[in-house]
Amino acid sequence: MDSGDNTGWEIHFVDDTQGETGGFYLIIQSGDSVAYDYWFEKKEYLDNQLLDHNIKWNS
């Protein structure tokens, strides 16, 4: 993330639509010690959540 309380944290996405949950995970991680995960039933819900964050995307 590029600003705010989570500056420098990494974001990971897991598409589990073909797995057990049938949805999407958003994992926000700071190094190896702190991580939070969120589950979304639909991709549009995940996309809406990302609008709440100022994210610097790496290519």
PDB file of N, CA and C in Angstrom:
ATOM      1  N   MET A   1       0.840  -1.167   0.000  1.00  0.00           N
ATOM      2  CA  MET A   1       0.000   0.000   0.000  1.00  0.00           C
ATOM      3  C   MET A   1       0.886   1.230   0.000  1.00  0.00           C
ATOM      4  N   ASP A   2       0.362   2.296  -0.517  1.00  0.00           N
ATOM      5  CA  ASP A   2       1.173   3.470  -0.792  1.00  0.00           C
ATOM      6  C   ASP A   2       1.032   4.581   0.251  1.00  0.00           C
ATOM      7  N   SER A   3      -0.008   4.534   1.093  1.00  0.00           N
ATOM      8  CA  SER A   3      -0.161   5.584   2.092  1.00  0.00           C
ATOM      9  C   SER A   3      -1.017   5.093   3.250  1.00  0.00           C
ATOM     10  N   GLY A   4      -1.056   5.885   4.319  1.00  0.00           N
ATOM     11  CA  GLY A   4      -1.891   5.543   5.463  1.00  0.00           C
ATOM     12  C   GLY A   4      -1.202   4.611   6.433  1.00  0.00           C
ATOM     13  N   ASP A   5      -1.996   3.987   7.277  1.00  0.00           N
ATOM     14  CA  ASP A   5      -1.479   3.111   8.333  1.00  0.00           C
ATOM     15  C   ASP A   5      -0.767   1.878   7.805  1.00  0.00           C
ATOM     16  N   ASN A   6      -1.041   1.482   6.583  1.00  0.00           N
ATOM     17  CA  ASN A   6      -0.488   0.241   6.043  1.00  0.00           C
ATOM     18  C   ASN A   6       0.550   0.478   4.950  1.00  0.00           C
ATOM     19  N   THR A   7       1.257   1.610   5.008  1.00  0.00           N
ATOM     20  CA  THR A   7       2.289   1.914   4.026  1.00  0.00           C
ATOM     21  C   THR A   7       3.345   0.810   4.021  1.00  0.00           C
ATOM     22  N   GLY A   8       3.675   0.317   2.833  1.00  0.00           N
ATOM     23  CA  GLY A   8       4.690  -0.722   2.700  1.00  0.00           C
ATOM     24  C   GLY A   8       4.172  -2.143   2.814  1.00  0.00           C
ATOM     25  N   TRP A   9       2.922  -2.314   3.143  1.00  0.00           N
ATOM     26  CA  TRP A   9       2.350  -3.652   3.239  1.00  0.00           C
ATOM     27  C   TRP A   9       2.121  -4.203   1.836  1.00  0.00           C
ATOM     28  N   GLU A  10       2.049  -5.520   1.733  1.00  0.00           N
ATOM     29  CA  GLU A  10       1.801  -6.189   0.455  1.00  0.00           C
ATOM     30  C   GLU A  10       0.374  -6.709   0.410  1.00  0.00           C
ATOM     31  N   ILE A  11      -0.153  -6.763  -0.813  1.00  0.00           N
ATOM     32  CA  ILE A  11      -1.494  -7.298  -1.040  1.00  0.00           C
ATOM     33  C   ILE A  11      -1.376  -8.528  -1.933  1.00  0.00           C
ATOM     34  N   HIS A  12      -2.080  -9.585  -1.537  1.00  0.00           N
ATOM     35  CA  HIS A  12      -2.108 -10.820  -2.319  1.00  0.00           C
ATOM     36  C   HIS A  12      -3.564 -11.189  -2.579  1.00  0.00           C
ATOM     37  N   PHE A  13      -3.819 -11.753  -3.748  1.00  0.00           N
ATOM     38  CA  PHE A  13      -5.156 -12.186  -4.123  1.00  0.00           C
ATOM     39  C   PHE A  13      -5.153 -13.689  -4.331  1.00  0.00           C
ATOM     40  N   VAL A  14      -6.223 -14.332  -3.883  1.00  0.00           N
ATOM     41  CA  VAL A  14      -6.393 -15.767  -4.121  1.00  0.00           C
ATOM     42  C   VAL A  14      -7.773 -15.968  -4.739  1.00  0.00           C
ATOM     43  N   ASP A  15      -7.767 -16.505  -5.948  1.00  0.00           N
ATOM     44  CA  ASP A  15      -9.014 -16.832  -6.630  1.00  0.00           C
ATOM     45  C   ASP A  15      -9.376 -18.259  -6.237  1.00  0.00           C
ATOM     46  N   ASP A  16     -10.362 -18.402  -5.362  1.00  0.00           N
ATOM     47  CA  ASP A  16     -10.783 -19.719  -4.884  1.00  0.00           C
ATOM     48  C   ASP A  16     -12.156 -20.081  -5.445  1.00  0.00           C
ATOM     49  N   THR A  17     -12.491 -19.517  -6.608  1.00  0.00           N
ATOM     50  CA  THR A  17     -13.811 -19.766  -7.178  1.00  0.00           C
ATOM     51  C   THR A  17     -14.018 -21.239  -7.533  1.00  0.00           C
ATOM     52  N   GLN A  18     -12.938 -21.954  -7.794  1.00  0.00           N
ATOM     53  CA  GLN A  18     -13.049 -23.374  -8.095  1.00  0.00           C
ATOM     54  C   GLN A  18     -12.711 -24.233  -6.870  1.00  0.00           C
ATOM     55  N   GLY A  19     -12.442 -23.595  -5.740  1.00  0.00           N
ATOM     56  CA  GLY A  19     -12.055 -24.299  -4.523  1.00  0.00           C
ATOM     57  C   GLY A  19     -13.206 -24.442  -3.544  1.00  0.00           C
ATOM     58  N   GLU A  20     -12.831 -24.633  -2.276  1.00  0.00           N
ATOM     59  CA  GLU A  20     -13.812 -24.894  -1.223  1.00  0.00           C
ATOM     60  C   GLU A  20     -14.731 -23.712  -0.931  1.00  0.00           C
ATOM     61  N   THR A  21     -14.203 -22.487  -0.976  1.00  0.00           N
ATOM     62  CA  THR A  21     -15.014 -21.340  -0.577  1.00  0.00           C
ATOM     63  C   THR A  21     -15.849 -20.772  -1.709  1.00  0.00           C
ATOM     64  N   GLY A  22     -15.389 -20.948  -2.942  1.00  0.00           N
ATOM     65  CA  GLY A  22     -16.120 -20.422  -4.080  1.00  0.00           C
ATOM     66  C   GLY A  22     -16.067 -18.915  -4.203  1.00  0.00           C
ATOM     67  N   GLY A  23     -15.047 -18.295  -3.626  1.00  0.00           N
ATOM     68  CA  GLY A  23     -14.959 -16.838  -3.680  1.00  0.00           C
ATOM     69  C   GLY A  23     -13.535 -16.362  -3.874  1.00  0.00           C
ATOM     70  N   PHE A  24     -13.259 -15.189  -3.347  1.00  0.00           N
ATOM     71  CA  PHE A  24     -11.958 -14.546  -3.516  1.00  0.00           C
ATOM     72  C   PHE A  24     -11.420 -14.115  -2.161  1.00  0.00           C
ATOM     73  N   TYR A  25     -10.118 -14.268  -1.975  1.00  0.00           N
ATOM     74  CA  TYR A  25      -9.455 -13.794  -0.758  1.00  0.00           C
ATOM     75  C   TYR A  25      -8.577 -12.602  -1.091  1.00  0.00           C
ATOM     76  N   LEU A  26      -8.584 -11.636  -0.190  1.00  0.00           N
ATOM     77  CA  LEU A  26      -7.668 -10.502  -0.218  1.00  0.00           C
ATOM     78  C   LEU A  26      -6.819 -10.638   1.039  1.00  0.00           C
ATOM     79  N   ILE A  27      -5.516 -10.762   0.865  1.00  0.00           N
ATOM     80  CA  ILE A  27      -4.606 -10.913   1.997  1.00  0.00           C
ATOM     81  C   ILE A  27      -3.710  -9.687   2.047  1.00  0.00           C
ATOM     82  N   ILE A  28      -3.710  -9.002   3.180  1.00  0.00           N
ATOM     83  CA  ILE A  28      -2.875  -7.830   3.402  1.00  0.00           C
ATOM     84  C   ILE A  28      -1.819  -8.231   4.412  1.00  0.00           C
ATOM     85  N   GLN A  29      -0.539  -8.064   4.034  1.00  0.00           N
ATOM     86  CA  GLN A  29       0.552  -8.633   4.837  1.00  0.00           C
ATOM     87  C   GLN A  29       1.683  -7.626   5.037  1.00  0.00           C
ATOM     88  N   SER A  30       2.209  -7.613   6.267  1.00  0.00           N
ATOM     89  CA  SER A  30       3.382  -6.818   6.614  1.00  0.00           C
ATOM     90  C   SER A  30       4.485  -7.785   7.019  1.00  0.00           C
ATOM     91  N   GLY A  31       5.409  -8.053   6.099  1.00  0.00           N
ATOM     92  CA  GLY A  31       6.480  -9.012   6.399  1.00  0.00           C
ATOM     93  C   GLY A  31       5.913 -10.385   6.682  1.00  0.00           C
ATOM     94  N   ASP A  32       6.581 -11.116   7.574  1.00  0.00           N
ATOM     95  CA  ASP A  32       6.132 -12.460   7.914  1.00  0.00           C
ATOM     96  C   ASP A  32       5.304 -12.504   9.195  1.00  0.00           C
ATOM     97  N   SER A  33       5.180 -11.363   9.874  1.00  0.00           N
ATOM     98  CA  SER A  33       4.592 -11.407  11.207  1.00  0.00           C
ATOM     99  C   SER A  33       3.115 -11.025  11.285  1.00  0.00           C
ATOM    100  N   VAL A  34       2.631 -10.132  10.438  1.00  0.00           N
ATOM    101  CA  VAL A  34       1.256  -9.655  10.548  1.00  0.00           C
ATOM    102  C   VAL A  34       0.552  -9.826   9.214  1.00  0.00           C
ATOM    103  N   ALA A  35      -0.635 -10.420   9.259  1.00  0.00           N
ATOM    104  CA  ALA A  35      -1.426 -10.570   8.040  1.00  0.00           C
ATOM    105  C   ALA A  35      -2.908 -10.569   8.391  1.00  0.00           C
ATOM    106  N   TYR A  36      -3.690 -10.023   7.480  1.00  0.00           N
ATOM    107  CA  TYR A  36      -5.144 -10.027   7.612  1.00  0.00           C
ATOM    108  C   TYR A  36      -5.708 -10.574   6.311  1.00  0.00           C
ATOM    109  N   ASP A  37      -6.776 -11.354   6.422  1.00  0.00           N
ATOM    110  CA  ASP A  37      -7.391 -11.850   5.199  1.00  0.00           C
ATOM    111  C   ASP A  37      -8.882 -11.531   5.222  1.00  0.00           C
ATOM    112  N   TYR A  38      -9.385 -11.311   4.030  1.00  0.00           N
ATOM    113  CA  TYR A  38     -10.790 -10.988   3.830  1.00  0.00           C
ATOM    114  C   TYR A  38     -11.318 -11.886   2.719  1.00  0.00           C
ATOM    115  N   TRP A  39     -12.529 -12.362   2.869  1.00  0.00           N
ATOM    116  CA  TRP A  39     -13.141 -13.221   1.875  1.00  0.00           C
ATOM    117  C   TRP A  39     -14.305 -12.466   1.228  1.00  0.00           C
ATOM    118  N   PHE A  40     -14.408 -12.615  -0.090  1.00  0.00           N
ATOM    119  CA  PHE A  40     -15.480 -11.969  -0.845  1.00  0.00           C
ATOM    120  C   PHE A  40     -16.180 -13.012  -1.701  1.00  0.00           C
ATOM    121  N   GLU A  41     -17.486 -12.996  -1.658  1.00  0.00           N
ATOM    122  CA  GLU A  41     -18.271 -13.954  -2.429  1.00  0.00           C
ATOM    123  C   GLU A  41     -18.151 -13.704  -3.929  1.00  0.00           C
ATOM    124  N   LYS A  42     -18.093 -12.425  -4.312  1.00  0.00           N
ATOM    125  CA  LYS A  42     -18.042 -12.066  -5.728  1.00  0.00           C
ATOM    126  C   LYS A  42     -16.874 -11.137  -5.995  1.00  0.00           C
ATOM    127  N   LYS A  43     -16.324 -11.193  -7.214  1.00  0.00           N
ATOM    128  CA  LYS A  43     -15.185 -10.353  -7.578  1.00  0.00           C
ATOM    129  C   LYS A  43     -15.526  -8.873  -7.488  1.00  0.00           C
ATOM    130  N   GLU A  44     -16.749  -8.504  -7.809  1.00  0.00           N
ATOM    131  CA  GLU A  44     -17.129  -7.090  -7.736  1.00  0.00           C
ATOM    132  C   GLU A  44     -17.054  -6.562  -6.299  1.00  0.00           C
ATOM    133  N   TYR A  45     -17.301  -7.420  -5.309  1.00  0.00           N
ATOM    134  CA  TYR A  45     -17.165  -7.006  -3.909  1.00  0.00           C
ATOM    135  C   TYR A  45     -15.699  -6.757  -3.571  1.00  0.00           C
ATOM    136  N   LEU A  46     -14.821  -7.620  -4.074  1.00  0.00           N
ATOM    137  CA  LEU A  46     -13.381  -7.432  -3.897  1.00  0.00           C
ATOM    138  C   LEU A  46     -12.939  -6.131  -4.570  1.00  0.00           C
ATOM    139  N   ASP A  47     -13.367  -5.908  -5.785  1.00  0.00           N
ATOM    140  CA  ASP A  47     -13.012  -4.681  -6.514  1.00  0.00           C
ATOM    141  C   ASP A  47     -13.457  -3.436  -5.747  1.00  0.00           C
ATOM    142  N   ASN A  48     -14.656  -3.473  -5.177  1.00  0.00           N
ATOM    143  CA  ASN A  48     -15.162  -2.337  -4.407  1.00  0.00           C
ATOM    144  C   ASN A  48     -14.310  -2.093  -3.168  1.00  0.00           C
ATOM    145  N   GLN A  49     -13.857  -3.133  -2.516  1.00  0.00           N
ATOM    146  CA  GLN A  49     -13.003  -2.997  -1.338  1.00  0.00           C
ATOM    147  C   GLN A  49     -11.681  -2.324  -1.705  1.00  0.00           C
ATOM    148  N   LEU A  50     -11.135  -2.659  -2.856  1.00  0.00           N
ATOM    149  CA  LEU A  50      -9.858  -2.093  -3.276  1.00  0.00           C
ATOM    150  C   LEU A  50      -9.952  -0.592  -3.536  1.00  0.00           C
ATOM    151  N   LEU A  51     -11.134  -0.095  -3.846  1.00  0.00           N
ATOM    152  CA  LEU A  51     -11.318   1.333  -4.066  1.00  0.00           C
ATOM    153  C   LEU A  51     -11.080   2.141  -2.793  1.00  0.00           C
ATOM    154  N   ASP A  52     -11.169   1.485  -1.626  1.00  0.00           N
ATOM    155  CA  ASP A  52     -10.972   2.149  -0.342  1.00  0.00           C
ATOM    156  C   ASP A  52      -9.501   2.349   0.003  1.00  0.00           C
ATOM    157  N   HIS A  53      -8.594   1.822  -0.814  1.00  0.00           N
ATOM    158  CA  HIS A  53      -7.168   1.872  -0.515  1.00  0.00           C
ATOM    159  C   HIS A  53      -6.401   2.583  -1.626  1.00  0.00           C
ATOM    160  N   ASN A  54      -5.346   3.279  -1.250  1.00  0.00           N
ATOM    161  CA  ASN A  54      -4.436   3.905  -2.201  1.00  0.00           C
ATOM    162  C   ASN A  54      -3.295   2.903  -2.440  1.00  0.00           C
ATOM    163  N   ILE A  55      -3.369   2.179  -3.546  1.00  0.00           N
ATOM    164  CA  ILE A  55      -2.442   1.080  -3.806  1.00  0.00           C
ATOM    165  C   ILE A  55      -1.466   1.448  -4.902  1.00  0.00           C
ATOM    166  N   LYS A  56      -0.200   1.199  -4.651  1.00  0.00           N
ATOM    167  CA  LYS A  56       0.858   1.360  -5.666  1.00  0.00           C
ATOM    168  C   LYS A  56       1.128  -0.040  -6.218  1.00  0.00           C
ATOM    169  N   TRP A  57       0.746  -0.267  -7.475  1.00  0.00           N
ATOM    170  CA  TRP A  57       0.882  -1.583  -8.079  1.00  0.00           C
ATOM    171  C   TRP A  57       2.283  -1.760  -8.662  1.00  0.00           C
ATOM    172  N   ASN A  58       2.888  -2.905  -8.394  1.00  0.00           N
ATOM    173  CA  ASN A  58       4.177  -3.256  -9.005  1.00  0.00           C
ATOM    174  C   ASN A  58       3.905  -3.973 -10.318  1.00  0.00           C
ATOM    175  N   SER A  59       4.736  -3.723 -11.306  1.00  0.00           N
ATOM    176  CA  SER A  59       4.563  -4.372 -12.607  1.00  0.00           C
ATOM    177  C   SER A  59       5.260  -5.711 -12.633  1.00  0.00           C
TER     178      SER A  59
END
